[in-house]
Amino acid sequence: MKETPCPNCGKPLTGDMVRSSNVPCQFRCGHCRERLYEYKVSAPIMLVSLAAIVLLIYLLMLLRNAAGSVLPAVQHVPMAVFALVCAYPVFIVSERMIAKYVIQNGNIIYRGKRKGS
């Protein structure tokens, strides 16, 4: 597996650093605490994520209707609860895959002054 060094301090970046951020294209180095930016893979990842969200909503509606014919009580469960229970494992797996992909294939830059300059 390819290790990507921090452009500021030179220490290796990890997927945990990307996952701890709210936005996958901006995160902090765990060693020097400087904000890093990633430009190469963020836009395609976000487009795929939006498409996956739309697909999941459609599939959840189909699943709820199919389960509603077998168990009528499912029709009275709010769609948000149904979506959280079904989509949370998918979210966790995709978050880890995105972090791994950003670390391996991303173009990570630092906009501030380099250490020692």
C-alpha atoms as a PDB file:
ATOM      1  CA  MET A   1       0.000   0.000   0.000  1.00  0.00           C
ATOM      2  CA  LYS A   2       1.264   3.442  -0.944  1.00  0.00           C
ATOM      3  CA  GLU A   3       1.988   5.800   1.938  1.00  0.00           C
ATOM      4  CA  THR A   4       1.407   9.478   1.309  1.00  0.00           C
ATOM      5  CA  PRO A   5       3.615  11.819   3.359  1.00  0.00           C
ATOM      6  CA  CYS A   6       2.368  15.097   4.783  1.00  0.00           C
ATOM      7  CA  PRO A   7       3.603  17.939   2.523  1.00  0.00           C
ATOM      8  CA  ASN A   8       4.448  20.000   5.630  1.00  0.00           C
ATOM      9  CA  CYS A   9       6.116  17.629   8.122  1.00  0.00           C
ATOM     10  CA  GLY A  10       6.871  14.605   5.903  1.00  0.00           C
ATOM     11  CA  LYS A  11       5.297  12.034   8.245  1.00  0.00           C
ATOM     12  CA  PRO A  12       2.857   9.475   6.768  1.00  0.00           C
ATOM     13  CA  LEU A  13      -0.841  10.336   6.586  1.00  0.00           C
ATOM     14  CA  THR A  14      -3.461   7.790   7.648  1.00  0.00           C
ATOM     15  CA  GLY A  15      -7.071   7.099   6.779  1.00  0.00           C
ATOM     16  CA  ASP A  16      -8.089   8.042  10.331  1.00  0.00           C
ATOM     17  CA  MET A  17      -6.996  11.608   9.643  1.00  0.00           C
ATOM     18  CA  VAL A  18      -9.313  11.784   6.622  1.00  0.00           C
ATOM     19  CA  ARG A  19     -12.194  10.053   8.433  1.00  0.00           C
ATOM     20  CA  SER A  20     -11.962  12.453  11.405  1.00  0.00           C
ATOM     21  CA  SER A  21     -12.753  15.364   9.083  1.00  0.00           C
ATOM     22  CA  ASN A  22     -16.303  16.294   8.087  1.00  0.00           C
ATOM     23  CA  VAL A  23     -15.239  16.931   4.489  1.00  0.00           C
ATOM     24  CA  PRO A  24     -12.960  14.407   2.733  1.00  0.00           C
ATOM     25  CA  CYS A  25     -11.166  17.104   0.721  1.00  0.00           C
ATOM     26  CA  GLN A  26      -9.996  19.048   3.823  1.00  0.00           C
ATOM     27  CA  PHE A  27      -8.373  17.421   6.832  1.00  0.00           C
ATOM     28  CA  ARG A  28      -5.649  17.996   9.398  1.00  0.00           C
ATOM     29  CA  CYS A  29      -2.349  16.163   9.651  1.00  0.00           C
ATOM     30  CA  GLY A  30      -2.304  14.162  12.872  1.00  0.00           C
ATOM     31  CA  HIS A  31       1.346  15.015  13.459  1.00  0.00           C
ATOM     32  CA  CYS A  32       1.776  18.744  12.725  1.00  0.00           C
ATOM     33  CA  ARG A  33      -1.970  19.654  12.963  1.00  0.00           C
ATOM     34  CA  GLU A  34      -1.811  21.730   9.759  1.00  0.00           C
ATOM     35  CA  ARG A  35      -4.827  21.813   7.432  1.00  0.00           C
ATOM     36  CA  LEU A  36      -4.253  19.831   4.234  1.00  0.00           C
ATOM     37  CA  TYR A  37      -6.289  19.929   1.034  1.00  0.00           C
ATOM     38  CA  GLU A  38      -6.898  17.164  -1.492  1.00  0.00           C
ATOM     39  CA  TYR A  39      -7.946  17.926  -5.076  1.00  0.00           C
ATOM     40  CA  LYS A  40      -7.421  14.895  -7.276  1.00  0.00           C
ATOM     41  CA  VAL A  41     -10.147  12.483  -6.173  1.00  0.00           C
ATOM     42  CA  SER A  42     -12.623  14.523  -4.105  1.00  0.00           C
ATOM     43  CA  ALA A  43     -14.901  15.725  -6.916  1.00  0.00           C
ATOM     44  CA  PRO A  44     -15.474  12.271  -8.478  1.00  0.00           C
ATOM     45  CA  ILE A  45     -15.968  10.752  -5.022  1.00  0.00           C
ATOM     46  CA  MET A  46     -18.594  13.349  -4.139  1.00  0.00           C
ATOM     47  CA  LEU A  47     -20.438  12.810  -7.438  1.00  0.00           C
ATOM     48  CA  VAL A  48     -20.475   9.051  -6.888  1.00  0.00           C
ATOM     49  CA  SER A  49     -21.642   9.601  -3.301  1.00  0.00           C
ATOM     50  CA  LEU A  50     -24.573  11.737  -4.459  1.00  0.00           C
ATOM     51  CA  ALA A  51     -25.561   9.101  -7.011  1.00  0.00           C
ATOM     52  CA  ALA A  52     -25.309   6.391  -4.340  1.00  0.00           C
ATOM     53  CA  ILE A  53     -27.543   8.396  -1.987  1.00  0.00           C
ATOM     54  CA  VAL A  54     -30.241   8.736  -4.646  1.00  0.00           C
ATOM     55  CA  LEU A  55     -30.000   5.017  -5.442  1.00  0.00           C
ATOM     56  CA  LEU A  56     -30.202   4.073  -1.746  1.00  0.00           C
ATOM     57  CA  ILE A  57     -33.307   6.214  -1.223  1.00  0.00           C
ATOM     58  CA  TYR A  58     -34.981   4.531  -4.183  1.00  0.00           C
ATOM     59  CA  LEU A  59     -33.986   1.040  -2.990  1.00  0.00           C
ATOM     60  CA  LEU A  60     -35.182   1.784   0.551  1.00  0.00           C
ATOM     61  CA  MET A  61     -38.567   2.866  -0.770  1.00  0.00           C
ATOM     62  CA  LEU A  62     -38.837  -0.375  -2.753  1.00  0.00           C
ATOM     63  CA  LEU A  63     -37.755  -2.431   0.260  1.00  0.00           C
ATOM     64  CA  ARG A  64     -40.222  -0.681   2.550  1.00  0.00           C
ATOM     65  CA  ASN A  65     -43.095  -1.293   0.131  1.00  0.00           C
ATOM     66  CA  ALA A  66     -42.110  -4.951  -0.291  1.00  0.00           C
ATOM     67  CA  ALA A  67     -41.789  -5.468   3.468  1.00  0.00           C
ATOM     68  CA  GLY A  68     -45.068  -3.610   4.015  1.00  0.00           C
ATOM     69  CA  SER A  69     -47.006  -6.268   2.142  1.00  0.00           C
ATOM     70  CA  VAL A  70     -45.616  -8.976   4.459  1.00  0.00           C
ATOM     71  CA  LEU A  71     -45.567  -6.955   7.705  1.00  0.00           C
ATOM     72  CA  PRO A  72     -48.160  -4.144   7.637  1.00  0.00           C
ATOM     73  CA  ALA A  73     -46.592  -2.512  10.727  1.00  0.00           C
ATOM     74  CA  VAL A  74     -43.579  -1.510   8.593  1.00  0.00           C
ATOM     75  CA  GLN A  75     -45.751   1.063   6.808  1.00  0.00           C
ATOM     76  CA  HIS A  76     -46.124   2.981  10.110  1.00  0.00           C
ATOM     77  CA  VAL A  77     -42.362   3.217  10.759  1.00  0.00           C
ATOM     78  CA  PRO A  78     -40.973   6.618   9.697  1.00  0.00           C
ATOM     79  CA  MET A  79     -38.830   6.442   6.569  1.00  0.00           C
ATOM     80  CA  ALA A  80     -35.944   8.216   8.345  1.00  0.00           C
ATOM     81  CA  VAL A  81     -35.674   5.437  10.949  1.00  0.00           C
ATOM     82  CA  PHE A  82     -35.847   2.804   8.233  1.00  0.00           C
ATOM     83  CA  ALA A  83     -33.129   4.596   6.231  1.00  0.00           C
ATOM     84  CA  LEU A  84     -30.802   4.938   9.235  1.00  0.00           C
ATOM     85  CA  VAL A  85     -31.061   1.260  10.157  1.00  0.00           C
ATOM     86  CA  CYS A  86     -30.454   0.098   6.589  1.00  0.00           C
ATOM     87  CA  ALA A  87     -27.944   2.695   5.384  1.00  0.00           C
ATOM     88  CA  TYR A  88     -25.654   3.102   8.405  1.00  0.00           C
ATOM     89  CA  PRO A  89     -23.498   0.020   7.649  1.00  0.00           C
ATOM     90  CA  VAL A  90     -23.167   1.164   4.033  1.00  0.00           C
ATOM     91  CA  PHE A  91     -22.061   4.610   5.246  1.00  0.00           C
ATOM     92  CA  ILE A  92     -19.366   3.173   7.544  1.00  0.00           C
ATOM     93  CA  VAL A  93     -17.923   0.932   4.818  1.00  0.00           C
ATOM     94  CA  SER A  94     -17.962   3.702   2.202  1.00  0.00           C
ATOM     95  CA  GLU A  95     -16.323   6.173   4.607  1.00  0.00           C
ATOM     96  CA  ARG A  96     -13.410   3.785   5.123  1.00  0.00           C
ATOM     97  CA  MET A  97     -13.085   3.114   1.395  1.00  0.00           C
ATOM     98  CA  ILE A  98     -13.079   6.853   0.591  1.00  0.00           C
ATOM     99  CA  ALA A  99     -10.401   7.560   3.221  1.00  0.00           C
ATOM    100  CA  LYS A 100      -8.209   4.746   1.890  1.00  0.00           C
ATOM    101  CA  TYR A 101      -8.640   5.946  -1.698  1.00  0.00           C
ATOM    102  CA  VAL A 102      -7.833   9.577  -0.796  1.00  0.00           C
ATOM    103  CA  ILE A 103      -4.641   8.557   1.028  1.00  0.00           C
ATOM    104  CA  GLN A 104      -3.474   6.241  -1.774  1.00  0.00           C
ATOM    105  CA  ASN A 105      -4.431   8.271  -4.862  1.00  0.00           C
ATOM    106  CA  GLY A 106      -5.011  11.843  -3.713  1.00  0.00           C
ATOM    107  CA  ASN A 107      -3.027  14.940  -4.602  1.00  0.00           C
ATOM    108  CA  ILE A 108      -2.593  16.347  -1.090  1.00  0.00           C
ATOM    109  CA  ILE A 109      -1.291  19.906  -0.814  1.00  0.00           C
ATOM    110  CA  TYR A 110      -0.457  22.329   1.988  1.00  0.00           C
ATOM    111  CA  ARG A 111      -1.141  26.042   1.412  1.00  0.00           C
ATOM    112  CA  GLY A 112       0.844  27.564   4.294  1.00  0.00           C
ATOM    113  CA  LYS A 113       4.542  28.057   4.954  1.00  0.00           C
ATOM    114  CA  ARG A 114       6.630  24.915   5.040  1.00  0.00           C
ATOM    115  CA  LYS A 115       8.222  23.893   8.308  1.00  0.00           C
ATOM    116  CA  GLY A 116      11.740  25.260   8.632  1.00  0.00           C
ATOM    117  CA  SER A 117      11.216  28.025   6.030  1.00  0.00           C
END
